[in-house]
PDB file of N, CA and C in Angstrom:
ATOM      1  N   MET A   1       0.837  -1.183   0.000  1.00  0.00           N
ATOM      2  CA  MET A   1       0.000   0.000   0.000  1.00  0.00           C
ATOM      3  C   MET A   1       0.877   1.240   0.000  1.00  0.00           C
ATOM      4  N   THR A   2       0.496   2.258  -0.726  1.00  0.00           N
ATOM      5  CA  THR A   2       1.228   3.506  -0.806  1.00  0.00           C
ATOM      6  C   THR A   2       1.046   4.290   0.486  1.00  0.00           C
ATOM      7  N   THR A   3       2.162   4.747   1.065  1.00  0.00           N
ATOM      8  CA  THR A   3       2.045   5.598   2.243  1.00  0.00           C
ATOM      9  C   THR A   3       1.689   7.002   1.787  1.00  0.00           C
ATOM     10  N   ASN A   4       1.194   7.785   2.720  1.00  0.00           N
ATOM     11  CA  ASN A   4       0.781   9.146   2.379  1.00  0.00           C
ATOM     12  C   ASN A   4       1.900   9.951   1.746  1.00  0.00           C
ATOM     13  N   PHE A   5       3.111   9.795   2.243  1.00  0.00           N
ATOM     14  CA  PHE A   5       4.205  10.597   1.744  1.00  0.00           C
ATOM     15  C   PHE A   5       4.722  10.119   0.392  1.00  0.00           C
ATOM     16  N   GLU A   6       4.413   8.901   0.012  1.00  0.00           N
ATOM     17  CA  GLU A   6       4.810   8.425  -1.310  1.00  0.00           C
ATOM     18  C   GLU A   6       3.979   9.082  -2.414  1.00  0.00           C
ATOM     19  N   LEU A   7       2.905   9.758  -2.055  1.00  0.00           N
ATOM     20  CA  LEU A   7       2.093  10.445  -3.057  1.00  0.00           C
ATOM     21  C   LEU A   7       2.879  11.547  -3.761  1.00  0.00           C
ATOM     22  N   TYR A   8       3.871  12.134  -3.089  1.00  0.00           N
ATOM     23  CA  TYR A   8       4.687  13.182  -3.712  1.00  0.00           C
ATOM     24  C   TYR A   8       5.563  12.625  -4.827  1.00  0.00           C
ATOM     25  N   ARG A   9       5.752  11.318  -4.872  1.00  0.00           N
ATOM     26  CA  ARG A   9       6.529  10.724  -5.956  1.00  0.00           C
ATOM     27  C   ARG A   9       5.830  10.893  -7.304  1.00  0.00           C
ATOM     28  N   ARG A  10       4.526  11.086  -7.277  1.00  0.00           N
ATOM     29  CA  ARG A  10       3.757  11.235  -8.520  1.00  0.00           C
ATOM     30  C   ARG A  10       3.761  12.667  -9.039  1.00  0.00           C
ATOM     31  N   THR A  11       4.377  13.594  -8.295  1.00  0.00           N
ATOM     32  CA  THR A  11       4.473  14.975  -8.756  1.00  0.00           C
ATOM     33  C   THR A  11       5.582  15.076  -9.802  1.00  0.00           C
ATOM     34  N   SER A  12       5.675  16.221 -10.465  1.00  0.00           N
ATOM     35  CA  SER A  12       6.714  16.378 -11.489  1.00  0.00           C
ATOM     36  C   SER A  12       8.109  16.294 -10.881  1.00  0.00           C
ATOM     37  N   ILE A  13       8.306  16.863  -9.700  1.00  0.00           N
ATOM     38  CA  ILE A  13       9.630  16.783  -9.072  1.00  0.00           C
ATOM     39  C   ILE A  13       9.932  15.355  -8.623  1.00  0.00           C
ATOM     40  N   GLY A  14       8.929  14.640  -8.139  1.00  0.00           N
ATOM     41  CA  GLY A  14       9.119  13.251  -7.741  1.00  0.00           C
ATOM     42  C   GLY A  14       9.443  12.366  -8.929  1.00  0.00           C
ATOM     43  N   SER A  15       8.720  12.547 -10.025  1.00  0.00           N
ATOM     44  CA  SER A  15       8.987  11.767 -11.242  1.00  0.00           C
ATOM     45  C   SER A  15      10.379  12.052 -11.787  1.00  0.00           C
ATOM     46  N   SER A  16      10.784  13.319 -11.745  1.00  0.00           N
ATOM     47  CA  SER A  16      12.123  13.682 -12.219  1.00  0.00           C
ATOM     48  C   SER A  16      13.201  13.045 -11.362  1.00  0.00           C
ATOM     49  N   LEU A  17      12.992  13.038 -10.054  1.00  0.00           N
ATOM     50  CA  LEU A  17      13.959  12.398  -9.160  1.00  0.00           C
ATOM     51  C   LEU A  17      14.067  10.911  -9.454  1.00  0.00           C
ATOM     52  N   ILE A  18      12.931  10.246  -9.608  1.00  0.00           N
ATOM     53  CA  ILE A  18      12.936   8.805  -9.892  1.00  0.00           C
ATOM     54  C   ILE A  18      13.633   8.516 -11.216  1.00  0.00           C
ATOM     55  N   ASP A  19      13.342   9.309 -12.250  1.00  0.00           N
ATOM     56  CA  ASP A  19      13.994   9.118 -13.551  1.00  0.00           C
ATOM     57  C   ASP A  19      15.508   9.294 -13.443  1.00  0.00           C
ATOM     58  N   THR A  20      15.932  10.315 -12.704  1.00  0.00           N
ATOM     59  CA  THR A  20      17.358  10.580 -12.541  1.00  0.00           C
ATOM     60  C   THR A  20      18.035   9.458 -11.761  1.00  0.00           C
ATOM     61  N   LEU A  21      17.400   9.011 -10.687  1.00  0.00           N
ATOM     62  CA  LEU A  21      17.976   7.909  -9.906  1.00  0.00           C
ATOM     63  C   LEU A  21      18.063   6.633 -10.732  1.00  0.00           C
ATOM     64  N   ASP A  22      17.016   6.331 -11.502  1.00  0.00           N
ATOM     65  CA  ASP A  22      17.044   5.152 -12.382  1.00  0.00           C
ATOM     66  C   ASP A  22      18.189   5.250 -13.387  1.00  0.00           C
ATOM     67  N   HIS A  23      18.369   6.435 -13.956  1.00  0.00           N
ATOM     68  CA  HIS A  23      19.437   6.660 -14.932  1.00  0.00           C
ATOM     69  C   HIS A  23      20.805   6.405 -14.294  1.00  0.00           C
ATOM     70  N   PHE A  24      21.024   6.957 -13.085  1.00  0.00           N
ATOM     71  CA  PHE A  24      22.307   6.764 -12.406  1.00  0.00           C
ATOM     72  C   PHE A  24      22.535   5.310 -12.021  1.00  0.00           C
ATOM     73  N   VAL A  25      21.487   4.619 -11.605  1.00  0.00           N
ATOM     74  CA  VAL A  25      21.627   3.199 -11.255  1.00  0.00           C
ATOM     75  C   VAL A  25      21.962   2.389 -12.503  1.00  0.00           C
ATOM     76  N   ASN A  26      21.257   2.653 -13.603  1.00  0.00           N
ATOM     77  CA  ASN A  26      21.495   1.919 -14.854  1.00  0.00           C
ATOM     78  C   ASN A  26      22.889   2.162 -15.410  1.00  0.00           C
ATOM     79  N   GLN A  27      23.437   3.348 -15.166  1.00  0.00           N
ATOM     80  CA  GLN A  27      24.796   3.644 -15.638  1.00  0.00           C
ATOM     81  C   GLN A  27      25.859   3.202 -14.640  1.00  0.00           C
ATOM     82  N   GLY A  28      25.450   2.680 -13.507  1.00  0.00           N
ATOM     83  CA  GLY A  28      26.399   2.207 -12.510  1.00  0.00           C
ATOM     84  C   GLY A  28      27.040   3.319 -11.690  1.00  0.00           C
ATOM     85  N   LYS A  29      26.472   4.511 -11.721  1.00  0.00           N
ATOM     86  CA  LYS A  29      27.047   5.637 -10.976  1.00  0.00           C
ATOM     87  C   LYS A  29      26.682   5.597  -9.497  1.00  0.00           C
ATOM     88  N   ILE A  30      25.538   4.991  -9.168  1.00  0.00           N
ATOM     89  CA  ILE A  30      25.164   4.799  -7.767  1.00  0.00           C
ATOM     90  C   ILE A  30      24.575   3.399  -7.607  1.00  0.00           C
ATOM     91  N   GLU A  31      24.619   2.912  -6.400  1.00  0.00           N
ATOM     92  CA  GLU A  31      24.050   1.593  -6.087  1.00  0.00           C
ATOM     93  C   GLU A  31      22.535   1.727  -5.913  1.00  0.00           C
ATOM     94  N   PRO A  32      21.778   0.673  -6.207  1.00  0.00           N
ATOM     95  CA  PRO A  32      20.325   0.720  -6.013  1.00  0.00           C
ATOM     96  C   PRO A  32      19.927   1.062  -4.574  1.00  0.00           C
ATOM     97  N   GLN A  33      20.722   0.599  -3.608  1.00  0.00           N
ATOM     98  CA  GLN A  33      20.410   0.892  -2.207  1.00  0.00           C
ATOM     99  C   GLN A  33      20.516   2.386  -1.918  1.00  0.00           C
ATOM    100  N   ALA A  34      21.490   3.052  -2.548  1.00  0.00           N
ATOM    101  CA  ALA A  34      21.648   4.497  -2.365  1.00  0.00           C
ATOM    102  C   ALA A  34      20.468   5.240  -2.998  1.00  0.00           C
ATOM    103  N   ALA A  35      20.028   4.784  -4.146  1.00  0.00           N
ATOM    104  CA  ALA A  35      18.874   5.401  -4.805  1.00  0.00           C
ATOM    105  C   ALA A  35      17.626   5.251  -3.941  1.00  0.00           C
ATOM    106  N   TYR A  36      17.459   4.072  -3.366  1.00  0.00           N
ATOM    107  CA  TYR A  36      16.317   3.820  -2.492  1.00  0.00           C
ATOM    108  C   TYR A  36      16.367   4.737  -1.267  1.00  0.00           C
ATOM    109  N   LYS A  37      17.568   4.892  -0.690  1.00  0.00           N
ATOM    110  CA  LYS A  37      17.730   5.763   0.477  1.00  0.00           C
ATOM    111  C   LYS A  37      17.375   7.210   0.125  1.00  0.00           C
ATOM    112  N   MET A  38      17.805   7.676  -1.053  1.00  0.00           N
ATOM    113  CA  MET A  38      17.496   9.037  -1.482  1.00  0.00           C
ATOM    114  C   MET A  38      15.989   9.226  -1.662  1.00  0.00           C
ATOM    115  N   LEU A  39      15.337   8.214  -2.201  1.00  0.00           N
ATOM    116  CA  LEU A  39      13.889   8.284  -2.390  1.00  0.00           C
ATOM    117  C   LEU A  39      13.165   8.312  -1.042  1.00  0.00           C
ATOM    118  N   MET A  40      13.654   7.554  -0.088  1.00  0.00           N
ATOM    119  CA  MET A  40      13.055   7.575   1.247  1.00  0.00           C
ATOM    120  C   MET A  40      13.250   8.934   1.922  1.00  0.00           C
ATOM    121  N   LEU A  41      14.420   9.545   1.721  1.00  0.00           N
ATOM    122  CA  LEU A  41      14.658  10.890   2.251  1.00  0.00           C
ATOM    123  C   LEU A  41      13.717  11.904   1.598  1.00  0.00           C
ATOM    124  N   PHE A  42      13.516  11.770   0.294  1.00  0.00           N
ATOM    125  CA  PHE A  42      12.573  12.630  -0.427  1.00  0.00           C
ATOM    126  C   PHE A  42      11.178  12.498   0.177  1.00  0.00           C
ATOM    127  N   ASP A  43      10.743  11.252   0.428  1.00  0.00           N
ATOM    128  CA  ASP A  43       9.420  11.011   1.014  1.00  0.00           C
ATOM    129  C   ASP A  43       9.294  11.669   2.386  1.00  0.00           C
ATOM    130  N   ASP A  44      10.384  11.709   3.132  1.00  0.00           N
ATOM    131  CA  ASP A  44      10.358  12.271   4.480  1.00  0.00           C
ATOM    132  C   ASP A  44      10.467  13.794   4.476  1.00  0.00           C
ATOM    133  N   ILE A  45      11.317  14.348   3.625  1.00  0.00           N
ATOM    134  CA  ILE A  45      11.624  15.777   3.664  1.00  0.00           C
ATOM    135  C   ILE A  45      10.617  16.642   2.912  1.00  0.00           C
ATOM    136  N   LEU A  46      10.133  16.206   1.762  1.00  0.00           N
ATOM    137  CA  LEU A  46       9.265  17.065   0.954  1.00  0.00           C
ATOM    138  C   LEU A  46       8.000  17.521   1.688  1.00  0.00           C
ATOM    139  N   PRO A  47       7.293  16.655   2.404  1.00  0.00           N
ATOM    140  CA  PRO A  47       6.118  17.146   3.138  1.00  0.00           C
ATOM    141  C   PRO A  47       6.471  18.205   4.186  1.00  0.00           C
ATOM    142  N   LYS A  48       7.636  18.060   4.829  1.00  0.00           N
ATOM    143  CA  LYS A  48       8.060  19.049   5.815  1.00  0.00           C
ATOM    144  C   LYS A  48       8.346  20.387   5.147  1.00  0.00           C
ATOM    145  N   VAL A  49       9.018  20.347   4.007  1.00  0.00           N
ATOM    146  CA  VAL A  49       9.321  21.575   3.277  1.00  0.00           C
ATOM    147  C   VAL A  49       8.025  22.237   2.803  1.00  0.00           C
ATOM    148  N   MET A  50       7.112  21.447   2.293  1.00  0.00           N
ATOM    149  CA  MET A  50       5.833  22.002   1.827  1.00  0.00           C
ATOM    150  C   MET A  50       5.090  22.680   2.974  1.00  0.00           C
ATOM    151  N   ALA A  51       5.090  22.075   4.146  1.00  0.00           N
ATOM    152  CA  ALA A  51       4.383  22.636   5.297  1.00  0.00           C
ATOM    153  C   ALA A  51       5.062  23.900   5.821  1.00  0.00           C
ATOM    154  N   ASP A  52       6.399  23.927   5.784  1.00  0.00           N
ATOM    155  CA  ASP A  52       7.139  25.047   6.360  1.00  0.00           C
ATOM    156  C   ASP A  52       7.344  26.210   5.401  1.00  0.00           C
ATOM    157  N   LYS A  53       7.536  25.936   4.132  1.00  0.00           N
ATOM    158  CA  LYS A  53       7.965  26.980   3.190  1.00  0.00           C
ATOM    159  C   LYS A  53       6.862  27.514   2.273  1.00  0.00           C
ATOM    160  N   VAL A  54       5.874  26.711   1.954  1.00  0.00           N
ATOM    161  CA  VAL A  54       4.845  27.145   1.013  1.00  0.00           C
ATOM    162  C   VAL A  54       3.743  27.861   1.782  1.00  0.00           C
ATOM    163  N   LYS A  55       3.588  29.146   1.503  1.00  0.00           N
ATOM    164  CA  LYS A  55       2.602  29.956   2.214  1.00  0.00           C
ATOM    165  C   LYS A  55       1.492  30.464   1.288  1.00  0.00           C
ATOM    166  N   ALA A  56       1.575  30.170   0.011  1.00  0.00           N
ATOM    167  CA  ALA A  56       0.577  30.646  -0.950  1.00  0.00           C
ATOM    168  C   ALA A  56      -0.765  29.958  -0.703  1.00  0.00           C
ATOM    169  N   ARG A  57      -1.816  30.675  -1.022  1.00  0.00           N
ATOM    170  CA  ARG A  57      -3.153  30.127  -0.880  1.00  0.00           C
ATOM    171  C   ARG A  57      -3.886  30.236  -2.213  1.00  0.00           C
ATOM    172  N   MET A  58      -4.874  29.370  -2.356  1.00  0.00           N
ATOM    173  CA  MET A  58      -5.661  29.351  -3.569  1.00  0.00           C
ATOM    174  C   MET A  58      -7.091  28.997  -3.181  1.00  0.00           C
ATOM    175  N   HIS A  59      -8.037  29.621  -3.839  1.00  0.00           N
ATOM    176  CA  HIS A  59      -9.449  29.295  -3.648  1.00  0.00           C
ATOM    177  C   HIS A  59      -9.968  28.769  -4.981  1.00  0.00           C
ATOM    178  N   PHE A  60     -10.890  27.826  -4.917  1.00  0.00           N
ATOM    179  CA  PHE A  60     -11.452  27.328  -6.174  1.00  0.00           C
ATOM    180  C   PHE A  60     -12.933  27.044  -6.004  1.00  0.00           C
ATOM    181  N   LYS A  61     -13.624  27.123  -7.122  1.00  0.00           N
ATOM    182  CA  LYS A  61     -15.052  26.851  -7.183  1.00  0.00           C
ATOM    183  C   LYS A  61     -15.313  26.020  -8.425  1.00  0.00           C
ATOM    184  N   GLY A  62     -16.191  25.031  -8.298  1.00  0.00           N
ATOM    185  CA  GLY A  62     -16.527  24.201  -9.442  1.00  0.00           C
ATOM    186  C   GLY A  62     -17.730  23.340  -9.134  1.00  0.00           C
ATOM    187  N   HIS A  63     -18.070  22.498 -10.080  1.00  0.00           N
ATOM    188  CA  HIS A  63     -19.199  21.581  -9.924  1.00  0.00           C
ATOM    189  C   HIS A  63     -18.665  20.185  -9.619  1.00  0.00           C
ATOM    190  N   LEU A  64     -19.063  19.660  -8.451  1.00  0.00           N
ATOM    191  CA  LEU A  64     -18.616  18.339  -8.045  1.00  0.00           C
ATOM    192  C   LEU A  64     -19.293  17.274  -8.889  1.00  0.00           C
ATOM    193  N   ASP A  65     -18.488  16.482  -9.585  1.00  0.00           N
ATOM    194  CA  ASP A  65     -19.018  15.414 -10.430  1.00  0.00           C
ATOM    195  C   ASP A  65     -19.112  14.121  -9.620  1.00  0.00           C
ATOM    196  N   THR A  66     -17.978  13.677  -9.057  1.00  0.00           N
ATOM    197  CA  THR A  66     -17.968  12.466  -8.231  1.00  0.00           C
ATOM    198  C   THR A  66     -16.977  12.641  -7.091  1.00  0.00           C
ATOM    199  N   TYR A  67     -17.172  11.866  -6.046  1.00  0.00           N
ATOM    200  CA  TYR A  67     -16.215  11.823  -4.943  1.00  0.00           C
ATOM    201  C   TYR A  67     -16.168  10.407  -4.401  1.00  0.00           C
ATOM    202  N   ARG A  68     -15.038  10.111  -3.717  1.00  0.00           N
ATOM    203  CA  ARG A  68     -14.837   8.769  -3.178  1.00  0.00           C
ATOM    204  C   ARG A  68     -13.919   8.874  -1.962  1.00  0.00           C
ATOM    205  N   PHE A  69     -14.148   8.010  -0.978  1.00  0.00           N
ATOM    206  CA  PHE A  69     -13.282   7.921   0.202  1.00  0.00           C
ATOM    207  C   PHE A  69     -12.921   6.459   0.386  1.00  0.00           C
ATOM    208  N   CYS A  70     -11.651   6.138   0.211  1.00  0.00           N
ATOM    209  CA  CYS A  70     -11.197   4.757   0.308  1.00  0.00           C
ATOM    210  C   CYS A  70      -9.808   4.738   0.924  1.00  0.00           C
ATOM    211  N   ASP A  71      -9.596   3.882   1.904  1.00  0.00           N
ATOM    212  CA  ASP A  71      -8.300   3.746   2.573  1.00  0.00           C
ATOM    213  C   ASP A  71      -7.771   5.097   3.065  1.00  0.00           C
ATOM    214  N   GLU A  72      -8.641   5.892   3.652  1.00  0.00           N
ATOM    215  CA  GLU A  72      -8.316   7.205   4.195  1.00  0.00           C
ATOM    216  C   GLU A  72      -7.805   8.189   3.141  1.00  0.00           C
ATOM    217  N   VAL A  73      -8.210   8.008   1.893  1.00  0.00           N
ATOM    218  CA  VAL A  73      -7.847   8.920   0.814  1.00  0.00           C
ATOM    219  C   VAL A  73      -9.120   9.407   0.131  1.00  0.00           C
ATOM    220  N   TRP A  74      -9.277  10.728   0.066  1.00  0.00           N
ATOM    221  CA  TRP A  74     -10.405  11.336  -0.641  1.00  0.00           C
ATOM    222  C   TRP A  74     -10.008  11.601  -2.081  1.00  0.00           C
ATOM    223  N   THR A  75     -10.915  11.334  -3.011  1.00  0.00           N
ATOM    224  CA  THR A  75     -10.740  11.668  -4.419  1.00  0.00           C
ATOM    225  C   THR A  75     -11.969  12.439  -4.875  1.00  0.00           C
ATOM    226  N   PHE A  76     -11.733  13.623  -5.453  1.00  0.00           N
ATOM    227  CA  PHE A  76     -12.809  14.467  -5.945  1.00  0.00           C
ATOM    228  C   PHE A  76     -12.597  14.729  -7.426  1.00  0.00           C
ATOM    229  N   MET A  77     -13.661  14.615  -8.212  1.00  0.00           N
ATOM    230  CA  MET A  77     -13.634  14.977  -9.633  1.00  0.00           C
ATOM    231  C   MET A  77     -14.545  16.183  -9.790  1.00  0.00           C
ATOM    232  N   LEU A  78     -13.991  17.290 -10.313  1.00  0.00           N
ATOM    233  CA  LEU A  78     -14.756  18.522 -10.472  1.00  0.00           C
ATOM    234  C   LEU A  78     -14.766  18.956 -11.929  1.00  0.00           C
ATOM    235  N   ASN A  79     -15.848  19.617 -12.329  1.00  0.00           N
ATOM    236  CA  ASN A  79     -15.992  20.166 -13.674  1.00  0.00           C
ATOM    237  C   ASN A  79     -16.130  21.680 -13.582  1.00  0.00           C
ATOM    238  N   ASP A  80     -15.756  22.367 -14.667  1.00  0.00           N
ATOM    239  CA  ASP A  80     -15.894  23.823 -14.779  1.00  0.00           C
ATOM    240  C   ASP A  80     -15.339  24.529 -13.537  1.00  0.00           C
ATOM    241  N   VAL A  81     -14.045  24.382 -13.319  1.00  0.00           N
ATOM    242  CA  VAL A  81     -13.411  24.879 -12.102  1.00  0.00           C
ATOM    243  C   VAL A  81     -12.740  26.220 -12.358  1.00  0.00           C
ATOM    244  N   ASN A  82     -12.924  27.141 -11.408  1.00  0.00           N
ATOM    245  CA  ASN A  82     -12.275  28.447 -11.439  1.00  0.00           C
ATOM    246  C   ASN A  82     -11.362  28.543 -10.214  1.00  0.00           C
ATOM    247  N   PHE A  83     -10.060  28.758 -10.453  1.00  0.00           N
ATOM    248  CA  PHE A  83      -9.086  28.914  -9.385  1.00  0.00           C
ATOM    249  C   PHE A  83      -8.758  30.395  -9.229  1.00  0.00           C
ATOM    250  N   ARG A  84      -8.727  30.882  -7.993  1.00  0.00           N
ATOM    251  CA  ARG A  84      -8.288  32.253  -7.721  1.00  0.00           C
ATOM    252  C   ARG A  84      -7.065  32.179  -6.820  1.00  0.00           C
ATOM    253  N   LEU A  85      -5.953  32.715  -7.293  1.00  0.00           N
ATOM    254  CA  LEU A  85      -4.696  32.667  -6.572  1.00  0.00           C
ATOM    255  C   LEU A  85      -4.532  33.895  -5.689  1.00  0.00           C
ATOM    256  N   ASP A  86      -3.531  33.859  -4.792  1.00  0.00           N
ATOM    257  CA  ASP A  86      -3.254  34.988  -3.899  1.00  0.00           C
ATOM    258  C   ASP A  86      -3.064  36.296  -4.651  1.00  0.00           C
ATOM    259  N   ASN A  87      -2.411  36.227  -5.797  1.00  0.00           N
ATOM    260  CA  ASN A  87      -2.151  37.442  -6.563  1.00  0.00           C
ATOM    261  C   ASN A  87      -3.359  37.862  -7.404  1.00  0.00           C
ATOM    262  N   GLN A  88      -4.521  37.271  -7.113  1.00  0.00           N
ATOM    263  CA  GLN A  88      -5.807  37.586  -7.753  1.00  0.00           C
ATOM    264  C   GLN A  88      -5.903  37.120  -9.202  1.00  0.00           C
ATOM    265  N   ASN A  89      -4.935  36.347  -9.695  1.00  0.00           N
ATOM    266  CA  ASN A  89      -5.053  35.753 -11.028  1.00  0.00           C
ATOM    267  C   ASN A  89      -6.107  34.655 -10.984  1.00  0.00           C
ATOM    268  N   ASN A  90      -6.845  34.512 -12.078  1.00  0.00           N
ATOM    269  CA  ASN A  90      -7.842  33.453 -12.197  1.00  0.00           C
ATOM    270  C   ASN A  90      -7.401  32.466 -13.262  1.00  0.00           C
ATOM    271  N   ILE A  91      -7.617  31.199 -12.978  1.00  0.00           N
ATOM    272  CA  ILE A  91      -7.307  30.127 -13.923  1.00  0.00           C
ATOM    273  C   ILE A  91      -8.551  29.265 -14.060  1.00  0.00           C
ATOM    274  N   GLN A  92      -8.910  28.917 -15.278  1.00  0.00           N
ATOM    275  CA  GLN A  92     -10.075  28.083 -15.560  1.00  0.00           C
ATOM    276  C   GLN A  92      -9.617  26.684 -15.974  1.00  0.00           C
ATOM    277  N   ALA A  93     -10.399  25.686 -15.593  1.00  0.00           N
ATOM    278  CA  ALA A  93     -10.131  24.312 -16.023  1.00  0.00           C
ATOM    279  C   ALA A  93     -11.465  23.616 -16.277  1.00  0.00           C
ATOM    280  N   ASP A  94     -11.521  22.814 -17.331  1.00  0.00           N
ATOM    281  CA  ASP A  94     -12.743  22.069 -17.635  1.00  0.00           C
ATOM    282  C   ASP A  94     -12.972  20.952 -16.618  1.00  0.00           C
ATOM    283  N   LYS A  95     -11.905  20.200 -16.312  1.00  0.00           N
ATOM    284  CA  LYS A  95     -11.995  19.082 -15.369  1.00  0.00           C
ATOM    285  C   LYS A  95     -10.732  19.030 -14.535  1.00  0.00           C
ATOM    286  N   ILE A  96     -10.894  18.674 -13.250  1.00  0.00           N
ATOM    287  CA  ILE A  96      -9.724  18.423 -12.409  1.00  0.00           C
ATOM    288  C   ILE A  96     -10.016  17.246 -11.488  1.00  0.00           C
ATOM    289  N   LYS A  97      -8.948  16.644 -11.012  1.00  0.00           N
ATOM    290  CA  LYS A  97      -9.034  15.561 -10.039  1.00  0.00           C
ATOM    291  C   LYS A  97      -8.201  15.975  -8.834  1.00  0.00           C
ATOM    292  N   ILE A  98      -8.791  15.908  -7.649  1.00  0.00           N
ATOM    293  CA  ILE A  98      -8.087  16.237  -6.415  1.00  0.00           C
ATOM    294  C   ILE A  98      -7.990  14.969  -5.578  1.00  0.00           C
ATOM    295  N   VAL A  99      -6.769  14.650  -5.141  1.00  0.00           N
ATOM    296  CA  VAL A  99      -6.543  13.512  -4.253  1.00  0.00           C
ATOM    297  C   VAL A  99      -5.994  14.081  -2.950  1.00  0.00           C
ATOM    298  N   ALA A 100      -6.658  13.781  -1.838  1.00  0.00           N
ATOM    299  CA  ALA A 100      -6.247  14.318  -0.541  1.00  0.00           C
ATOM    300  C   ALA A 100      -6.171  13.191   0.479  1.00  0.00           C
ATOM    301  N   CYS A 101      -5.166  13.275   1.338  1.00  0.00           N
ATOM    302  CA  CYS A 101      -5.012  12.267   2.383  1.00  0.00           C
ATOM    303  C   CYS A 101      -4.571  12.935   3.672  1.00  0.00           C
ATOM    304  N   VAL A 102      -4.648  12.197   4.752  1.00  0.00           N
ATOM    305  CA  VAL A 102      -4.242  12.692   6.056  1.00  0.00           C
ATOM    306  C   VAL A 102      -2.725  12.859   6.059  1.00  0.00           C
ATOM    307  N   ALA A 103      -2.251  13.979   6.578  1.00  0.00           N
ATOM    308  CA  ALA A 103      -0.812  14.254   6.608  1.00  0.00           C
ATOM    309  C   ALA A 103      -0.213  13.683   7.876  1.00  0.00           C
ATOM    310  N   LYS A 104       0.080  12.400   7.851  1.00  0.00           N
ATOM    311  CA  LYS A 104       0.723  11.761   8.995  1.00  0.00           C
ATOM    312  C   LYS A 104       1.699  10.709   8.478  1.00  0.00           C
ATOM    313  N   LYS A 105       2.675  10.428   9.283  1.00  0.00           N
ATOM    314  CA  LYS A 105       3.633   9.378   8.935  1.00  0.00           C
ATOM    315  C   LYS A 105       3.033   8.027   9.283  1.00  0.00           C
ATOM    316  N   PRO A 106       3.392   6.982   8.553  1.00  0.00           N
ATOM    317  CA  PRO A 106       2.901   5.654   8.911  1.00  0.00           C
ATOM    318  C   PRO A 106       3.288   5.313  10.349  1.00  0.00           C
ATOM    319  N   GLY A 107       2.346   4.791  11.108  1.00  0.00           N
ATOM    320  CA  GLY A 107       2.589   4.417  12.489  1.00  0.00           C
ATOM    321  C   GLY A 107       2.193   5.484  13.483  1.00  0.00           C
ATOM    322  N   ASP A 108       2.046   6.743  13.030  1.00  0.00           N
ATOM    323  CA  ASP A 108       1.591   7.802  13.923  1.00  0.00           C
ATOM    324  C   ASP A 108       0.107   7.629  14.191  1.00  0.00           C
ATOM    325  N   GLU A 109      -0.294   7.902  15.422  1.00  0.00           N
ATOM    326  CA  GLU A 109      -1.702   7.750  15.790  1.00  0.00           C
ATOM    327  C   GLU A 109      -2.540   8.946  15.375  1.00  0.00           C
ATOM    328  N   LYS A 110      -1.947  10.149  15.427  1.00  0.00           N
ATOM    329  CA  LYS A 110      -2.701  11.375  15.123  1.00  0.00           C
ATOM    330  C   LYS A 110      -2.059  12.103  13.966  1.00  0.00           C
ATOM    331  N   ALA A 111      -2.881  12.883  13.234  1.00  0.00           N
ATOM    332  CA  ALA A 111      -2.364  13.687  12.116  1.00  0.00           C
ATOM    333  C   ALA A 111      -1.581  14.866  12.636  1.00  0.00           C
TER     334      ALA A 111
END
C-alpha cells in the first residue's frame, strides 16, 4: 500500500527524481540501495518543506461530479473549475481531479 508521503513521488519533481535515480543506477554511478535511500529521504523531507515553506493560498469553485473515500484517501472529480490565486489571477479548467489524504507518517496515531 502507498504511504501518504509516497504520493509526492507522482508529482513532477518526484517523477524527475525517480527518472534521474534510475538513470544513475542503470549507468552504474550509484548503487540501487543508495537510490532507495534518497527516495526515502525525499518522502520524508518534501512534506516538511511544503508545510514550512509554502505559504501561498488558492481558492477554487466548481461543480462536483464524483467523490470517493477509500483507505483514508479522498478523491474528488470537479468540472468547470475556477481557481483564484493569492495574486488575484484566475485560472479556468474544464476538469480536475483532487486527491487528498491525512498528513501523517505511517505508524503515527494522530495527524
